[in-house]
Amino acid sequence: MNLLEDIVAGLRDLRQATGFAVTYTYNGNVLTGILATIGNTPTQEVISDDGATVRGVNRDYLIAVSDLTHGGIPVIPLDGHTITEADGTVFEVRPLGGERCWRWVDAATRQHYRIHTQQVTNL
């Protein structure tokens, strides 16, 4: 294998070892049992209009394109879609730090999304 194939295989192994099922909701469609892994995401701090510091819980989810499909067609993550964890905590797909709301984990093979989210329930 070449280096790129090794990285993709490592991502597949990581997902299987640390992944957990989430529910992905978009445009009234609900996809259950989507295997996700949490990526490193910094906590975001914003200064509100009244000068208070507000901490936002951000989380990146690593999800295989092949897992995030509806009717065999890949679902492109868009702003406003949601990811719900088993405990009911909901994260909304949102742009992060000037990036769109997702990017490729593996840009050369485009097999995994890194989806940026912000927690919207159970704060």
PDB file of N, CA and C in Angstrom:
ATOM      1  N   MET A   1       0.839  -1.197   0.000  1.00  0.00           N
ATOM      2  CA  MET A   1       0.000   0.000   0.000  1.00  0.00           C
ATOM      3  C   MET A   1       0.874   1.247   0.000  1.00  0.00           C
ATOM      4  N   ASN A   2       0.330   2.316  -0.584  1.00  0.00           N
ATOM      5  CA  ASN A   2       1.042   3.583  -0.508  1.00  0.00           C
ATOM      6  C   ASN A   2       0.571   4.338   0.739  1.00  0.00           C
ATOM      7  N   LEU A   3       1.180   5.449   1.003  1.00  0.00           N
ATOM      8  CA  LEU A   3       0.880   6.219   2.213  1.00  0.00           C
ATOM      9  C   LEU A   3      -0.587   6.623   2.288  1.00  0.00           C
ATOM     10  N   LEU A   4      -1.156   7.081   1.180  1.00  0.00           N
ATOM     11  CA  LEU A   4      -2.546   7.509   1.167  1.00  0.00           C
ATOM     12  C   LEU A   4      -3.484   6.344   1.495  1.00  0.00           C
ATOM     13  N   GLU A   5      -3.233   5.186   0.914  1.00  0.00           N
ATOM     14  CA  GLU A   5      -4.056   4.008   1.219  1.00  0.00           C
ATOM     15  C   GLU A   5      -3.933   3.619   2.681  1.00  0.00           C
ATOM     16  N   ASP A   6      -2.720   3.751   3.237  1.00  0.00           N
ATOM     17  CA  ASP A   6      -2.515   3.465   4.664  1.00  0.00           C
ATOM     18  C   ASP A   6      -3.337   4.406   5.540  1.00  0.00           C
ATOM     19  N   ILE A   7      -3.387   5.686   5.170  1.00  0.00           N
ATOM     20  CA  ILE A   7      -4.148   6.663   5.945  1.00  0.00           C
ATOM     21  C   ILE A   7      -5.640   6.342   5.889  1.00  0.00           C
ATOM     22  N   VAL A   8      -6.153   6.040   4.705  1.00  0.00           N
ATOM     23  CA  VAL A   8      -7.568   5.702   4.558  1.00  0.00           C
ATOM     24  C   VAL A   8      -7.895   4.442   5.353  1.00  0.00           C
ATOM     25  N   ALA A   9      -7.041   3.439   5.295  1.00  0.00           N
ATOM     26  CA  ALA A   9      -7.267   2.215   6.067  1.00  0.00           C
ATOM     27  C   ALA A   9      -7.248   2.513   7.563  1.00  0.00           C
ATOM     28  N   GLY A  10      -6.357   3.401   7.984  1.00  0.00           N
ATOM     29  CA  GLY A  10      -6.300   3.794   9.394  1.00  0.00           C
ATOM     30  C   GLY A  10      -7.570   4.500   9.834  1.00  0.00           C
ATOM     31  N   LEU A  11      -8.106   5.362   8.981  1.00  0.00           N
ATOM     32  CA  LEU A  11      -9.370   6.034   9.295  1.00  0.00           C
ATOM     33  C   LEU A  11     -10.501   5.021   9.437  1.00  0.00           C
ATOM     34  N   ARG A  12     -10.535   4.031   8.557  1.00  0.00           N
ATOM     35  CA  ARG A  12     -11.573   2.999   8.624  1.00  0.00           C
ATOM     36  C   ARG A  12     -11.458   2.231   9.941  1.00  0.00           C
ATOM     37  N   ASP A  13     -10.232   1.877  10.327  1.00  0.00           N
ATOM     38  CA  ASP A  13     -10.020   1.165  11.590  1.00  0.00           C
ATOM     39  C   ASP A  13     -10.408   2.030  12.786  1.00  0.00           C
ATOM     40  N   LEU A  14     -10.075   3.318  12.745  1.00  0.00           N
ATOM     41  CA  LEU A  14     -10.417   4.238  13.826  1.00  0.00           C
ATOM     42  C   LEU A  14     -11.924   4.359  13.975  1.00  0.00           C
ATOM     43  N   ARG A  15     -12.638   4.488  12.866  1.00  0.00           N
ATOM     44  CA  ARG A  15     -14.102   4.583  12.919  1.00  0.00           C
ATOM     45  C   ARG A  15     -14.693   3.342  13.570  1.00  0.00           C
ATOM     46  N   GLN A  16     -14.185   2.179  13.194  1.00  0.00           N
ATOM     47  CA  GLN A  16     -14.729   0.940  13.741  1.00  0.00           C
ATOM     48  C   GLN A  16     -14.418   0.809  15.227  1.00  0.00           C
ATOM     49  N   ALA A  17     -13.264   1.301  15.664  1.00  0.00           N
ATOM     50  CA  ALA A  17     -12.870   1.172  17.065  1.00  0.00           C
ATOM     51  C   ALA A  17     -13.517   2.222  17.964  1.00  0.00           C
ATOM     52  N   THR A  18     -13.690   3.448  17.462  1.00  0.00           N
ATOM     53  CA  THR A  18     -14.166   4.532  18.324  1.00  0.00           C
ATOM     54  C   THR A  18     -15.484   5.130  17.879  1.00  0.00           C
ATOM     55  N   GLY A  19     -16.011   4.656  16.780  1.00  0.00           N
ATOM     56  CA  GLY A  19     -17.240   5.218  16.241  1.00  0.00           C
ATOM     57  C   GLY A  19     -18.462   4.838  17.062  1.00  0.00           C
ATOM     58  N   PHE A  20     -19.505   5.631  16.911  1.00  0.00           N
ATOM     59  CA  PHE A  20     -20.777   5.372  17.582  1.00  0.00           C
ATOM     60  C   PHE A  20     -21.889   5.840  16.660  1.00  0.00           C
ATOM     61  N   ALA A  21     -23.078   5.293  16.881  1.00  0.00           N
ATOM     62  CA  ALA A  21     -24.205   5.592  15.995  1.00  0.00           C
ATOM     63  C   ALA A  21     -24.841   6.936  16.344  1.00  0.00           C
ATOM     64  N   VAL A  22     -25.119   7.724  15.312  1.00  0.00           N
ATOM     65  CA  VAL A  22     -25.831   8.988  15.455  1.00  0.00           C
ATOM     66  C   VAL A  22     -26.983   8.994  14.454  1.00  0.00           C
ATOM     67  N   THR A  23     -27.871   9.958  14.640  1.00  0.00           N
ATOM     68  CA  THR A  23     -28.968  10.174  13.700  1.00  0.00           C
ATOM     69  C   THR A  23     -28.700  11.483  12.970  1.00  0.00           C
ATOM     70  N   TYR A  24     -28.780  11.434  11.653  1.00  0.00           N
ATOM     71  CA  TYR A  24     -28.539  12.611  10.824  1.00  0.00           C
ATOM     72  C   TYR A  24     -29.871  13.025  10.214  1.00  0.00           C
ATOM     73  N   THR A  25     -30.254  14.295  10.419  1.00  0.00           N
ATOM     74  CA  THR A  25     -31.543  14.783   9.928  1.00  0.00           C
ATOM     75  C   THR A  25     -31.319  15.955   8.974  1.00  0.00           C
ATOM     76  N   TYR A  26     -32.019  15.898   7.841  1.00  0.00           N
ATOM     77  CA  TYR A  26     -31.923  16.983   6.856  1.00  0.00           C
ATOM     78  C   TYR A  26     -33.197  17.007   6.024  1.00  0.00           C
ATOM     79  N   ASN A  27     -33.712  18.181   5.755  1.00  0.00           N
ATOM     80  CA  ASN A  27     -34.863  18.386   4.874  1.00  0.00           C
ATOM     81  C   ASN A  27     -36.014  17.411   5.158  1.00  0.00           C
ATOM     82  N   GLY A  28     -36.262  17.131   6.421  1.00  0.00           N
ATOM     83  CA  GLY A  28     -37.336  16.228   6.789  1.00  0.00           C
ATOM     84  C   GLY A  28     -36.986  14.752   6.694  1.00  0.00           C
ATOM     85  N   ASN A  29     -35.786  14.443   6.257  1.00  0.00           N
ATOM     86  CA  ASN A  29     -35.316  13.056   6.167  1.00  0.00           C
ATOM     87  C   ASN A  29     -34.508  12.714   7.399  1.00  0.00           C
ATOM     88  N   VAL A  30     -34.647  11.481   7.876  1.00  0.00           N
ATOM     89  CA  VAL A  30     -33.927  11.029   9.065  1.00  0.00           C
ATOM     90  C   VAL A  30     -33.137   9.778   8.710  1.00  0.00           C
ATOM     91  N   LEU A  31     -31.820   9.849   8.888  1.00  0.00           N
ATOM     92  CA  LEU A  31     -30.941   8.707   8.648  1.00  0.00           C
ATOM     93  C   LEU A  31     -30.438   8.224  10.004  1.00  0.00           C
ATOM     94  N   THR A  32     -30.740   6.985  10.360  1.00  0.00           N
ATOM     95  CA  THR A  32     -30.352   6.464  11.664  1.00  0.00           C
ATOM     96  C   THR A  32     -29.184   5.490  11.528  1.00  0.00           C
ATOM     97  N   GLY A  33     -28.495   5.291  12.648  1.00  0.00           N
ATOM     98  CA  GLY A  33     -27.398   4.329  12.683  1.00  0.00           C
ATOM     99  C   GLY A  33     -26.182   4.742  11.886  1.00  0.00           C
ATOM    100  N   ILE A  34     -25.984   6.047  11.697  1.00  0.00           N
ATOM    101  CA  ILE A  34     -24.818   6.546  10.966  1.00  0.00           C
ATOM    102  C   ILE A  34     -23.605   6.468  11.894  1.00  0.00           C
ATOM    103  N   LEU A  35     -22.548   5.781  11.462  1.00  0.00           N
ATOM    104  CA  LEU A  35     -21.349   5.626  12.280  1.00  0.00           C
ATOM    105  C   LEU A  35     -20.506   6.898  12.204  1.00  0.00           C
ATOM    106  N   ALA A  36     -20.255   7.501  13.367  1.00  0.00           N
ATOM    107  CA  ALA A  36     -19.491   8.750  13.435  1.00  0.00           C
ATOM    108  C   ALA A  36     -18.370   8.631  14.452  1.00  0.00           C
ATOM    109  N   THR A  37     -17.333   9.387  14.230  1.00  0.00           N
ATOM    110  CA  THR A  37     -16.228   9.526  15.165  1.00  0.00           C
ATOM    111  C   THR A  37     -16.075  11.010  15.449  1.00  0.00           C
ATOM    112  N   ILE A  38     -15.764  11.361  16.680  1.00  0.00           N
ATOM    113  CA  ILE A  38     -15.582  12.764  17.030  1.00  0.00           C
ATOM    114  C   ILE A  38     -14.151  13.186  16.733  1.00  0.00           C
ATOM    115  N   GLY A  39     -14.025  14.296  16.012  1.00  0.00           N
ATOM    116  CA  GLY A  39     -12.716  14.859  15.726  1.00  0.00           C
ATOM    117  C   GLY A  39     -12.408  15.979  16.704  1.00  0.00           C
ATOM    118  N   ASN A  40     -11.156  16.382  16.796  1.00  0.00           N
ATOM    119  CA  ASN A  40     -10.779  17.503  17.659  1.00  0.00           C
ATOM    120  C   ASN A  40     -11.392  18.784  17.137  1.00  0.00           C
ATOM    121  N   THR A  41     -12.088  19.499  18.004  1.00  0.00           N
ATOM    122  CA  THR A  41     -12.692  20.772  17.640  1.00  0.00           C
ATOM    123  C   THR A  41     -12.520  21.732  18.809  1.00  0.00           C
ATOM    124  N   PRO A  42     -11.992  22.913  18.560  1.00  0.00           N
ATOM    125  CA  PRO A  42     -11.831  23.868  19.662  1.00  0.00           C
ATOM    126  C   PRO A  42     -13.178  24.419  20.125  1.00  0.00           C
ATOM    127  N   THR A  43     -13.258  24.751  21.418  1.00  0.00           N
ATOM    128  CA  THR A  43     -14.430  25.431  21.943  1.00  0.00           C
ATOM    129  C   THR A  43     -14.375  26.873  21.458  1.00  0.00           C
ATOM    130  N   GLN A  44     -15.510  27.379  21.033  1.00  0.00           N
ATOM    131  CA  GLN A  44     -15.567  28.729  20.485  1.00  0.00           C
ATOM    132  C   GLN A  44     -16.089  29.681  21.543  1.00  0.00           C
ATOM    133  N   GLU A  45     -15.419  30.819  21.698  1.00  0.00           N
ATOM    134  CA  GLU A  45     -15.881  31.851  22.618  1.00  0.00           C
ATOM    135  C   GLU A  45     -16.261  33.089  21.823  1.00  0.00           C
ATOM    136  N   VAL A  46     -17.440  33.622  22.135  1.00  0.00           N
ATOM    137  CA  VAL A  46     -17.950  34.805  21.453  1.00  0.00           C
ATOM    138  C   VAL A  46     -18.347  35.816  22.516  1.00  0.00           C
ATOM    139  N   ILE A  47     -18.096  37.091  22.244  1.00  0.00           N
ATOM    140  CA  ILE A  47     -18.508  38.163  23.149  1.00  0.00           C
ATOM    141  C   ILE A  47     -19.904  38.615  22.713  1.00  0.00           C
ATOM    142  N   SER A  48     -20.867  38.519  23.634  1.00  0.00           N
ATOM    143  CA  SER A  48     -22.242  38.911  23.319  1.00  0.00           C
ATOM    144  C   SER A  48     -22.358  40.436  23.295  1.00  0.00           C
ATOM    145  N   ASP A  49     -23.520  40.942  22.879  1.00  0.00           N
ATOM    146  CA  ASP A  49     -23.747  42.383  22.794  1.00  0.00           C
ATOM    147  C   ASP A  49     -23.588  43.076  24.144  1.00  0.00           C
ATOM    148  N   ASP A  50     -23.895  42.356  25.239  1.00  0.00           N
ATOM    149  CA  ASP A  50     -23.780  42.967  26.562  1.00  0.00           C
ATOM    150  C   ASP A  50     -22.393  42.776  27.182  1.00  0.00           C
ATOM    151  N   GLY A  51     -21.441  42.233  26.394  1.00  0.00           N
ATOM    152  CA  GLY A  51     -20.060  42.105  26.863  1.00  0.00           C
ATOM    153  C   GLY A  51     -19.742  40.794  27.553  1.00  0.00           C
ATOM    154  N   ALA A  52     -20.708  39.909  27.685  1.00  0.00           N
ATOM    155  CA  ALA A  52     -20.474  38.619  28.337  1.00  0.00           C
ATOM    156  C   ALA A  52     -19.799  37.658  27.356  1.00  0.00           C
ATOM    157  N   THR A  53     -18.939  36.793  27.889  1.00  0.00           N
ATOM    158  CA  THR A  53     -18.314  35.761  27.078  1.00  0.00           C
ATOM    159  C   THR A  53     -19.228  34.544  27.044  1.00  0.00           C
ATOM    160  N   VAL A  54     -19.557  34.118  25.858  1.00  0.00           N
ATOM    161  CA  VAL A  54     -20.425  32.959  25.678  1.00  0.00           C
ATOM    162  C   VAL A  54     -19.603  31.861  25.024  1.00  0.00           C
ATOM    163  N   ARG A  55     -19.585  30.707  25.671  1.00  0.00           N
ATOM    164  CA  ARG A  55     -18.841  29.574  25.126  1.00  0.00           C
ATOM    165  C   ARG A  55     -19.784  28.686  24.333  1.00  0.00           C
ATOM    166  N   GLY A  56     -19.410  28.378  23.124  1.00  0.00           N
ATOM    167  CA  GLY A  56     -20.198  27.485  22.292  1.00  0.00           C
ATOM    168  C   GLY A  56     -19.530  26.125  22.236  1.00  0.00           C
ATOM    169  N   VAL A  57     -20.314  25.074  22.382  1.00  0.00           N
ATOM    170  CA  VAL A  57     -19.762  23.731  22.288  1.00  0.00           C
ATOM    171  C   VAL A  57     -19.805  23.316  20.820  1.00  0.00           C
ATOM    172  N   ASN A  58     -18.636  23.259  20.221  1.00  0.00           N
ATOM    173  CA  ASN A  58     -18.503  22.833  18.836  1.00  0.00           C
ATOM    174  C   ASN A  58     -17.985  21.411  18.825  1.00  0.00           C
ATOM    175  N   ARG A  59     -18.369  20.691  17.797  1.00  0.00           N
ATOM    176  CA  ARG A  59     -17.883  19.323  17.671  1.00  0.00           C
ATOM    177  C   ARG A  59     -17.795  19.003  16.188  1.00  0.00           C
ATOM    178  N   ASP A  60     -16.691  18.404  15.794  1.00  0.00           N
ATOM    179  CA  ASP A  60     -16.560  17.892  14.437  1.00  0.00           C
ATOM    180  C   ASP A  60     -16.859  16.399  14.461  1.00  0.00           C
ATOM    181  N   TYR A  61     -17.636  15.965  13.487  1.00  0.00           N
ATOM    182  CA  TYR A  61     -17.912  14.540  13.325  1.00  0.00           C
ATOM    183  C   TYR A  61     -17.240  14.068  12.056  1.00  0.00           C
ATOM    184  N   LEU A  62     -16.554  12.943  12.142  1.00  0.00           N
ATOM    185  CA  LEU A  62     -15.956  12.317  10.973  1.00  0.00           C
ATOM    186  C   LEU A  62     -16.904  11.198  10.553  1.00  0.00           C
ATOM    187  N   ILE A  63     -17.426  11.311   9.333  1.00  0.00           N
ATOM    188  CA  ILE A  63     -18.401  10.352   8.833  1.00  0.00           C
ATOM    189  C   ILE A  63     -18.014   9.957   7.408  1.00  0.00           C
ATOM    190  N   ALA A  64     -18.038   8.664   7.135  1.00  0.00           N
ATOM    191  CA  ALA A  64     -17.733   8.174   5.790  1.00  0.00           C
ATOM    192  C   ALA A  64     -18.841   8.588   4.827  1.00  0.00           C
ATOM    193  N   VAL A  65     -18.459   9.032   3.651  1.00  0.00           N
ATOM    194  CA  VAL A  65     -19.424   9.405   2.627  1.00  0.00           C
ATOM    195  C   VAL A  65     -20.344   8.218   2.341  1.00  0.00           C
ATOM    196  N   SER A  66     -19.780   7.021   2.330  1.00  0.00           N
ATOM    197  CA  SER A  66     -20.577   5.822   2.035  1.00  0.00           C
ATOM    198  C   SER A  66     -21.621   5.529   3.106  1.00  0.00           C
ATOM    199  N   ASP A  67     -21.426   6.055   4.312  1.00  0.00           N
ATOM    200  CA  ASP A  67     -22.412   5.874   5.389  1.00  0.00           C
ATOM    201  C   ASP A  67     -23.501   6.936   5.350  1.00  0.00           C
ATOM    202  N   LEU A  68     -23.184   8.111   4.845  1.00  0.00           N
ATOM    203  CA  LEU A  68     -24.131   9.226   4.839  1.00  0.00           C
ATOM    204  C   LEU A  68     -24.791   9.306   3.454  1.00  0.00           C
ATOM    205  N   THR A  69     -25.668   8.345   3.199  1.00  0.00           N
ATOM    206  CA  THR A  69     -26.349   8.282   1.913  1.00  0.00           C
ATOM    207  C   THR A  69     -27.844   8.108   2.130  1.00  0.00           C
ATOM    208  N   HIS A  70     -28.602   8.521   1.131  1.00  0.00           N
ATOM    209  CA  HIS A  70     -30.052   8.329   1.133  1.00  0.00           C
ATOM    210  C   HIS A  70     -30.429   7.822  -0.252  1.00  0.00           C
ATOM    211  N   GLY A  71     -30.950   6.617  -0.306  1.00  0.00           N
ATOM    212  CA  GLY A  71     -31.278   6.023  -1.594  1.00  0.00           C
ATOM    213  C   GLY A  71     -30.056   5.786  -2.458  1.00  0.00           C
ATOM    214  N   GLY A  72     -28.909   5.542  -1.813  1.00  0.00           N
ATOM    215  CA  GLY A  72     -27.668   5.294  -2.539  1.00  0.00           C
ATOM    216  C   GLY A  72     -26.952   6.543  -3.012  1.00  0.00           C
ATOM    217  N   ILE A  73     -27.512   7.705  -2.725  1.00  0.00           N
ATOM    218  CA  ILE A  73     -26.911   8.979  -3.152  1.00  0.00           C
ATOM    219  C   ILE A  73     -26.302   9.669  -1.928  1.00  0.00           C
ATOM    220  N   PRO A  74     -25.028  10.079  -2.018  1.00  0.00           N
ATOM    221  CA  PRO A  74     -24.409  10.765  -0.883  1.00  0.00           C
ATOM    222  C   PRO A  74     -25.166  12.040  -0.502  1.00  0.00           C
ATOM    223  N   VAL A  75     -25.290  12.253   0.793  1.00  0.00           N
ATOM    224  CA  VAL A  75     -25.897  13.473   1.330  1.00  0.00           C
ATOM    225  C   VAL A  75     -24.765  14.457   1.613  1.00  0.00           C
ATOM    226  N   ILE A  76     -24.833  15.623   1.017  1.00  0.00           N
ATOM    227  CA  ILE A  76     -23.840  16.668   1.259  1.00  0.00           C
ATOM    228  C   ILE A  76     -24.251  17.425   2.520  1.00  0.00           C
ATOM    229  N   PRO A  77     -23.396  17.482   3.547  1.00  0.00           N
ATOM    230  CA  PRO A  77     -23.752  18.228   4.757  1.00  0.00           C
ATOM    231  C   PRO A  77     -23.959  19.709   4.449  1.00  0.00           C
ATOM    232  N   LEU A  78     -25.066  20.246   4.933  1.00  0.00           N
ATOM    233  CA  LEU A  78     -25.372  21.657   4.722  1.00  0.00           C
ATOM    234  C   LEU A  78     -25.737  22.319   6.036  1.00  0.00           C
ATOM    235  N   ASP A  79     -25.531  23.620   6.083  1.00  0.00           N
ATOM    236  CA  ASP A  79     -25.885  24.441   7.231  1.00  0.00           C
ATOM    237  C   ASP A  79     -27.349  24.168   7.614  1.00  0.00           C
ATOM    238  N   GLY A  80     -27.585  23.857   8.885  1.00  0.00           N
ATOM    239  CA  GLY A  80     -28.938  23.612   9.370  1.00  0.00           C
ATOM    240  C   GLY A  80     -29.294  22.147   9.522  1.00  0.00           C
ATOM    241  N   HIS A  81     -28.551  21.248   8.881  1.00  0.00           N
ATOM    242  CA  HIS A  81     -28.779  19.826   9.125  1.00  0.00           C
ATOM    243  C   HIS A  81     -28.427  19.555  10.592  1.00  0.00           C
ATOM    244  N   THR A  82     -28.895  18.436  11.150  1.00  0.00           N
ATOM    245  CA  THR A  82     -28.576  18.142  12.548  1.00  0.00           C
ATOM    246  C   THR A  82     -28.040  16.729  12.709  1.00  0.00           C
ATOM    247  N   ILE A  83     -27.241  16.574  13.758  1.00  0.00           N
ATOM    248  CA  ILE A  83     -26.731  15.279  14.184  1.00  0.00           C
ATOM    249  C   ILE A  83     -27.155  15.107  15.631  1.00  0.00           C
ATOM    250  N   THR A  84     -27.852  14.005  15.914  1.00  0.00           N
ATOM    251  CA  THR A  84     -28.343  13.737  17.257  1.00  0.00           C
ATOM    252  C   THR A  84     -27.642  12.505  17.804  1.00  0.00           C
ATOM    253  N   GLU A  85     -27.067  12.655  19.005  1.00  0.00           N
ATOM    254  CA  GLU A  85     -26.410  11.531  19.657  1.00  0.00           C
ATOM    255  C   GLU A  85     -27.437  10.700  20.422  1.00  0.00           C
ATOM    256  N   ALA A  86     -27.046   9.521  20.864  1.00  0.00           N
ATOM    257  CA  ALA A  86     -27.957   8.579  21.525  1.00  0.00           C
ATOM    258  C   ALA A  86     -28.615   9.163  22.772  1.00  0.00           C
ATOM    259  N   ASP A  87     -27.929  10.093  23.463  1.00  0.00           N
ATOM    260  CA  ASP A  87     -28.496  10.678  24.686  1.00  0.00           C
ATOM    261  C   ASP A  87     -29.466  11.829  24.384  1.00  0.00           C
ATOM    262  N   GLY A  88     -29.695  12.107  23.109  1.00  0.00           N
ATOM    263  CA  GLY A  88     -30.624  13.165  22.717  1.00  0.00           C
ATOM    264  C   GLY A  88     -29.978  14.516  22.459  1.00  0.00           C
ATOM    265  N   THR A  89     -28.691  14.639  22.692  1.00  0.00           N
ATOM    266  CA  THR A  89     -28.001  15.899  22.444  1.00  0.00           C
ATOM    267  C   THR A  89     -27.956  16.163  20.942  1.00  0.00           C
ATOM    268  N   VAL A  90     -28.368  17.382  20.563  1.00  0.00           N
ATOM    269  CA  VAL A  90     -28.449  17.738  19.144  1.00  0.00           C
ATOM    270  C   VAL A  90     -27.365  18.760  18.811  1.00  0.00           C
ATOM    271  N   PHE A  91     -26.684  18.502  17.713  1.00  0.00           N
ATOM    272  CA  PHE A  91     -25.679  19.406  17.175  1.00  0.00           C
ATOM    273  C   PHE A  91     -26.130  19.822  15.789  1.00  0.00           C
ATOM    274  N   GLU A  92     -26.077  21.125  15.531  1.00  0.00           N
ATOM    275  CA  GLU A  92     -26.478  21.643  14.219  1.00  0.00           C
ATOM    276  C   GLU A  92     -25.249  21.857  13.353  1.00  0.00           C
ATOM    277  N   VAL A  93     -25.346  21.429  12.110  1.00  0.00           N
ATOM    278  CA  VAL A  93     -24.268  21.619  11.148  1.00  0.00           C
ATOM    279  C   VAL A  93     -24.166  23.111  10.840  1.00  0.00           C
ATOM    280  N   ARG A  94     -22.939  23.650  11.018  1.00  0.00           N
ATOM    281  CA  ARG A  94     -22.708  25.089  10.819  1.00  0.00           C
ATOM    282  C   ARG A  94     -21.297  25.331  10.313  1.00  0.00           C
ATOM    283  N   PRO A  95     -21.109  26.431   9.598  1.00  0.00           N
ATOM    284  CA  PRO A  95     -19.750  26.794   9.194  1.00  0.00           C
ATOM    285  C   PRO A  95     -18.900  27.091  10.432  1.00  0.00           C
ATOM    286  N   LEU A  96     -17.593  26.928  10.304  1.00  0.00           N
ATOM    287  CA  LEU A  96     -16.701  27.159  11.437  1.00  0.00           C
ATOM    288  C   LEU A  96     -15.458  27.900  10.972  1.00  0.00           C
ATOM    289  N   GLY A  97     -15.187  29.020  11.621  1.00  0.00           N
ATOM    290  CA  GLY A  97     -13.949  29.755  11.389  1.00  0.00           C
ATOM    291  C   GLY A  97     -13.650  30.095   9.944  1.00  0.00           C
ATOM    292  N   GLY A  98     -14.646  30.544   9.205  1.00  0.00           N
ATOM    293  CA  GLY A  98     -14.426  30.929   7.825  1.00  0.00           C
ATOM    294  C   GLY A  98     -14.493  29.773   6.835  1.00  0.00           C
ATOM    295  N   GLU A  99     -14.587  28.538   7.333  1.00  0.00           N
ATOM    296  CA  GLU A  99     -14.755  27.379   6.451  1.00  0.00           C
ATOM    297  C   GLU A  99     -16.232  27.132   6.220  1.00  0.00           C
ATOM    298  N   ARG A 100     -16.539  26.421   5.141  1.00  0.00           N
ATOM    299  CA  ARG A 100     -17.917  25.965   4.979  1.00  0.00           C
ATOM    300  C   ARG A 100     -18.195  24.954   6.095  1.00  0.00           C
ATOM    301  N   CYS A 101     -19.363  24.392   6.149  1.00  0.00           N
ATOM    302  CA  CYS A 101     -19.744  23.549   7.286  1.00  0.00           C
ATOM    303  C   CYS A 101     -19.148  22.140   7.234  1.00  0.00           C
ATOM    304  N   TRP A 102     -18.408  21.818   6.214  1.00  0.00           N
ATOM    305  CA  TRP A 102     -17.708  20.536   6.171  1.00  0.00           C
ATOM    306  C   TRP A 102     -16.488  20.664   5.271  1.00  0.00           C
ATOM    307  N   ARG A 103     -15.600  19.692   5.414  1.00  0.00           N
ATOM    308  CA  ARG A 103     -14.456  19.582   4.508  1.00  0.00           C
ATOM    309  C   ARG A 103     -14.088  18.108   4.419  1.00  0.00           C
ATOM    310  N   TRP A 104     -13.258  17.782   3.483  1.00  0.00           N
ATOM    311  CA  TRP A 104     -12.804  16.404   3.345  1.00  0.00           C
ATOM    312  C   TRP A 104     -11.773  16.096   4.415  1.00  0.00           C
ATOM    313  N   VAL A 105     -11.855  14.940   4.998  1.00  0.00           N
ATOM    314  CA  VAL A 105     -10.794  14.463   5.892  1.00  0.00           C
ATOM    315  C   VAL A 105      -9.621  14.042   5.029  1.00  0.00           C
ATOM    316  N   ASP A 106      -9.935  13.387   3.940  1.00  0.00           N
ATOM    317  CA  ASP A 106      -8.953  12.823   3.033  1.00  0.00           C
ATOM    318  C   ASP A 106      -9.198  13.383   1.626  1.00  0.00           C
ATOM    319  N   ALA A 107      -8.675  14.572   1.393  1.00  0.00           N
ATOM    320  CA  ALA A 107      -8.996  15.319   0.173  1.00  0.00           C
ATOM    321  C   ALA A 107      -8.678  14.549  -1.113  1.00  0.00           C
ATOM    322  N   ALA A 108      -7.675  13.708  -1.106  1.00  0.00           N
ATOM    323  CA  ALA A 108      -7.300  12.996  -2.322  1.00  0.00           C
ATOM    324  C   ALA A 108      -8.321  11.923  -2.697  1.00  0.00           C
ATOM    325  N   THR A 109      -8.859  11.220  -1.699  1.00  0.00           N
ATOM    326  CA  THR A 109      -9.793  10.126  -1.999  1.00  0.00           C
ATOM    327  C   THR A 109     -11.251  10.495  -1.752  1.00  0.00           C
ATOM    328  N   ARG A 110     -11.480  11.544  -0.963  1.00  0.00           N
ATOM    329  CA  ARG A 110     -12.827  12.051  -0.684  1.00  0.00           C
ATOM    330  C   ARG A 110     -13.782  10.963  -0.198  1.00  0.00           C
ATOM    331  N   GLN A 111     -13.338  10.241   0.828  1.00  0.00           N
ATOM    332  CA  GLN A 111     -14.152   9.165   1.376  1.00  0.00           C
ATOM    333  C   GLN A 111     -14.758   9.506   2.733  1.00  0.00           C
ATOM    334  N   HIS A 112     -14.287  10.589   3.372  1.00  0.00           N
ATOM    335  CA  HIS A 112     -14.770  10.952   4.710  1.00  0.00           C
ATOM    336  C   HIS A 112     -15.009  12.451   4.820  1.00  0.00           C
ATOM    337  N   TYR A 113     -16.156  12.796   5.384  1.00  0.00           N
ATOM    338  CA  TYR A 113     -16.469  14.183   5.699  1.00  0.00           C
ATOM    339  C   TYR A 113     -15.969  14.517   7.103  1.00  0.00           C
ATOM    340  N   ARG A 114     -15.519  15.736   7.296  1.00  0.00           N
ATOM    341  CA  ARG A 114     -15.356  16.333   8.627  1.00  0.00           C
ATOM    342  C   ARG A 114     -16.443  17.384   8.688  1.00  0.00           C
ATOM    343  N   ILE A 115     -17.463  17.124   9.513  1.00  0.00           N
ATOM    344  CA  ILE A 115     -18.640  17.987   9.565  1.00  0.00           C
ATOM    345  C   ILE A 115     -18.565  18.853  10.816  1.00  0.00           C
ATOM    346  N   HIS A 116     -18.578  20.177  10.643  1.00  0.00           N
ATOM    347  CA  HIS A 116     -18.525  21.115  11.757  1.00  0.00           C
ATOM    348  C   HIS A 116     -19.932  21.315  12.323  1.00  0.00           C
ATOM    349  N   THR A 117     -20.059  21.242  13.637  1.00  0.00           N
ATOM    350  CA  THR A 117     -21.366  21.427  14.270  1.00  0.00           C
ATOM    351  C   THR A 117     -21.244  22.277  15.526  1.00  0.00           C
ATOM    352  N   GLN A 118     -22.388  22.743  15.987  1.00  0.00           N
ATOM    353  CA  GLN A 118     -22.482  23.442  17.275  1.00  0.00           C
ATOM    354  C   GLN A 118     -23.669  22.860  18.038  1.00  0.00           C
ATOM    355  N   GLN A 119     -23.446  22.603  19.309  1.00  0.00           N
ATOM    356  CA  GLN A 119     -24.501  22.023  20.150  1.00  0.00           C
ATOM    357  C   GLN A 119     -25.667  22.997  20.311  1.00  0.00           C
ATOM    358  N   VAL A 120     -26.887  22.497  20.131  1.00  0.00           N
ATOM    359  CA  VAL A 120     -28.072  23.355  20.233  1.00  0.00           C
ATOM    360  C   VAL A 120     -29.051  22.891  21.300  1.00  0.00           C
ATOM    361  N   THR A 121     -28.875  21.689  21.867  1.00  0.00           N
ATOM    362  CA  THR A 121     -29.721  21.233  22.976  1.00  0.00           C
ATOM    363  C   THR A 121     -28.853  20.648  24.078  1.00  0.00           C
ATOM    364  N   ASN A 122     -29.471  20.496  25.264  1.00  0.00           N
ATOM    365  CA  ASN A 122     -28.780  19.923  26.433  1.00  0.00           C
ATOM    366  C   ASN A 122     -27.531  20.702  26.808  1.00  0.00           C
ATOM    367  N   LEU A 123     -27.603  22.026  26.711  1.00  0.00           N
ATOM    368  CA  LEU A 123     -26.453  22.869  27.042  1.00  0.00           C
ATOM    369  C   LEU A 123     -26.249  22.963  28.534  1.00  0.00           C
TER     370      LEU A 123
END
